[in-house]
């Protein structure tokens, strides 16, 4: 024997019928907090801020960075190796 029920209700009505909590206020609060954190982190994506974060203050000028990159490749800056 097979029995089929078709229930036409909204998600809110189904939630109340099954005794489940309404999590919409919590979701809104969490989304607001997530949006605030993402907005804060986007400010840190500024190129100048990233360079200051990634490289020590001793390497702020371009020539120091160039020397470091050449040093990593095993090439001396004064001539060929």
C-alpha atoms as a PDB file:
ATOM      1  CA  UNK A   1       0.000   0.000   0.000  1.00  0.00           C
ATOM      2  CA  UNK A   2       1.350   3.381  -0.962  1.00  0.00           C
ATOM      3  CA  UNK A   3       0.146   6.670   0.477  1.00  0.00           C
ATOM      4  CA  UNK A   4       1.165  10.075  -0.865  1.00  0.00           C
ATOM      5  CA  UNK A   5       0.576  13.424   0.801  1.00  0.00           C
ATOM      6  CA  UNK A   6       0.930  16.740  -0.987  1.00  0.00           C
ATOM      7  CA  UNK A   7       1.416  19.570   1.470  1.00  0.00           C
ATOM      8  CA  UNK A   8       1.310  23.105   0.172  1.00  0.00           C
ATOM      9  CA  UNK A   9       2.949  25.425   2.691  1.00  0.00           C
ATOM     10  CA  UNK A  10       5.663  28.031   2.967  1.00  0.00           C
ATOM     11  CA  UNK A  11       9.035  27.221   4.521  1.00  0.00           C
ATOM     12  CA  UNK A  12       8.031  29.292   7.560  1.00  0.00           C
ATOM     13  CA  UNK A  13       4.820  27.284   8.004  1.00  0.00           C
ATOM     14  CA  UNK A  14       6.722  23.991   7.662  1.00  0.00           C
ATOM     15  CA  UNK A  15       9.323  25.167  10.192  1.00  0.00           C
ATOM     16  CA  UNK A  16       6.610  26.059  12.708  1.00  0.00           C
ATOM     17  CA  UNK A  17       4.753  22.781  12.113  1.00  0.00           C
ATOM     18  CA  UNK A  18       7.915  20.730  12.682  1.00  0.00           C
ATOM     19  CA  UNK A  19       8.940  22.836  15.700  1.00  0.00           C
ATOM     20  CA  UNK A  20      12.182  24.053  14.151  1.00  0.00           C
ATOM     21  CA  UNK A  21      13.644  27.394  15.277  1.00  0.00           C
ATOM     22  CA  UNK A  22      13.574  30.486  13.085  1.00  0.00           C
ATOM     23  CA  UNK A  23      17.228  31.109  12.251  1.00  0.00           C
ATOM     24  CA  UNK A  24      16.673  34.140   9.989  1.00  0.00           C
ATOM     25  CA  UNK A  25      17.736  36.725  12.639  1.00  0.00           C
ATOM     26  CA  UNK A  26      20.911  34.751  13.364  1.00  0.00           C
ATOM     27  CA  UNK A  27      21.670  34.455   9.634  1.00  0.00           C
ATOM     28  CA  UNK A  28      21.210  38.201   9.166  1.00  0.00           C
ATOM     29  CA  UNK A  29      23.551  38.963  12.078  1.00  0.00           C
ATOM     30  CA  UNK A  30      26.193  36.532  10.785  1.00  0.00           C
ATOM     31  CA  UNK A  31      25.962  37.925   7.241  1.00  0.00           C
ATOM     32  CA  UNK A  32      26.363  41.472   8.578  1.00  0.00           C
ATOM     33  CA  UNK A  33      29.459  40.421  10.554  1.00  0.00           C
ATOM     34  CA  UNK A  34      30.877  38.589   7.524  1.00  0.00           C
ATOM     35  CA  UNK A  35      30.271  41.617   5.310  1.00  0.00           C
ATOM     36  CA  UNK A  36      32.013  43.901   7.829  1.00  0.00           C
ATOM     37  CA  UNK A  37      35.055  41.607   8.020  1.00  0.00           C
ATOM     38  CA  UNK A  38      35.276  41.305   4.237  1.00  0.00           C
ATOM     39  CA  UNK A  39      35.065  45.084   3.841  1.00  0.00           C
ATOM     40  CA  UNK A  40      37.826  45.482   6.415  1.00  0.00           C
ATOM     41  CA  UNK A  41      40.027  42.955   4.604  1.00  0.00           C
ATOM     42  CA  UNK A  42      39.493  44.619   1.225  1.00  0.00           C
ATOM     43  CA  UNK A  43      41.145  47.727   2.643  1.00  0.00           C
ATOM     44  CA  UNK A  44      44.231  45.598   3.333  1.00  0.00           C
ATOM     45  CA  UNK A  45      44.375  44.688  -0.377  1.00  0.00           C
ATOM     46  CA  UNK A  46      45.715  48.148  -1.198  1.00  0.00           C
ATOM     47  CA  UNK A  47      48.992  47.597  -3.141  1.00  0.00           C
ATOM     48  CA  UNK A  48      50.996  49.875  -0.843  1.00  0.00           C
ATOM     49  CA  UNK A  49      49.714  48.102   2.267  1.00  0.00           C
ATOM     50  CA  UNK A  50      50.462  44.676   0.766  1.00  0.00           C
ATOM     51  CA  UNK A  51      54.034  45.689  -0.083  1.00  0.00           C
ATOM     52  CA  UNK A  52      54.611  46.959   3.454  1.00  0.00           C
ATOM     53  CA  UNK A  53      53.202  43.719   4.849  1.00  0.00           C
ATOM     54  CA  UNK A  54      55.090  41.328   2.573  1.00  0.00           C
ATOM     55  CA  UNK A  55      58.495  43.002   2.611  1.00  0.00           C
ATOM     56  CA  UNK A  56      60.460  44.261   5.593  1.00  0.00           C
ATOM     57  CA  UNK A  57      60.983  47.997   5.930  1.00  0.00           C
ATOM     58  CA  UNK A  58      64.631  47.666   4.855  1.00  0.00           C
ATOM     59  CA  UNK A  59      63.478  46.630   1.371  1.00  0.00           C
ATOM     60  CA  UNK A  60      60.961  49.356   0.689  1.00  0.00           C
ATOM     61  CA  UNK A  61      62.745  50.821  -2.306  1.00  0.00           C
ATOM     62  CA  UNK A  62      62.847  49.161  -5.718  1.00  0.00           C
ATOM     63  CA  UNK A  63      66.607  48.613  -5.884  1.00  0.00           C
ATOM     64  CA  UNK A  64      66.576  46.528  -2.695  1.00  0.00           C
ATOM     65  CA  UNK A  65      63.777  44.391  -4.061  1.00  0.00           C
ATOM     66  CA  UNK A  66      65.607  43.986  -7.380  1.00  0.00           C
ATOM     67  CA  UNK A  67      68.790  42.897  -5.571  1.00  0.00           C
ATOM     68  CA  UNK A  68      66.809  40.383  -3.565  1.00  0.00           C
ATOM     69  CA  UNK A  69      65.187  38.880  -6.684  1.00  0.00           C
ATOM     70  CA  UNK A  70      68.529  38.656  -8.508  1.00  0.00           C
ATOM     71  CA  UNK A  71      70.070  37.111  -5.404  1.00  0.00           C
ATOM     72  CA  UNK A  72      67.377  34.449  -5.353  1.00  0.00           C
ATOM     73  CA  UNK A  73      68.214  33.586  -8.970  1.00  0.00           C
ATOM     74  CA  UNK A  74      71.913  33.353  -8.202  1.00  0.00           C
ATOM     75  CA  UNK A  75      72.948  36.382 -10.254  1.00  0.00           C
ATOM     76  CA  UNK A  76      75.154  39.115  -8.814  1.00  0.00           C
ATOM     77  CA  UNK A  77      74.013  42.672  -9.425  1.00  0.00           C
ATOM     78  CA  UNK A  78      77.511  43.922 -10.275  1.00  0.00           C
ATOM     79  CA  UNK A  79      77.972  41.727 -13.336  1.00  0.00           C
ATOM     80  CA  UNK A  80      77.615  38.221 -14.614  1.00  0.00           C
ATOM     81  CA  UNK A  81      78.419  35.284 -12.409  1.00  0.00           C
END
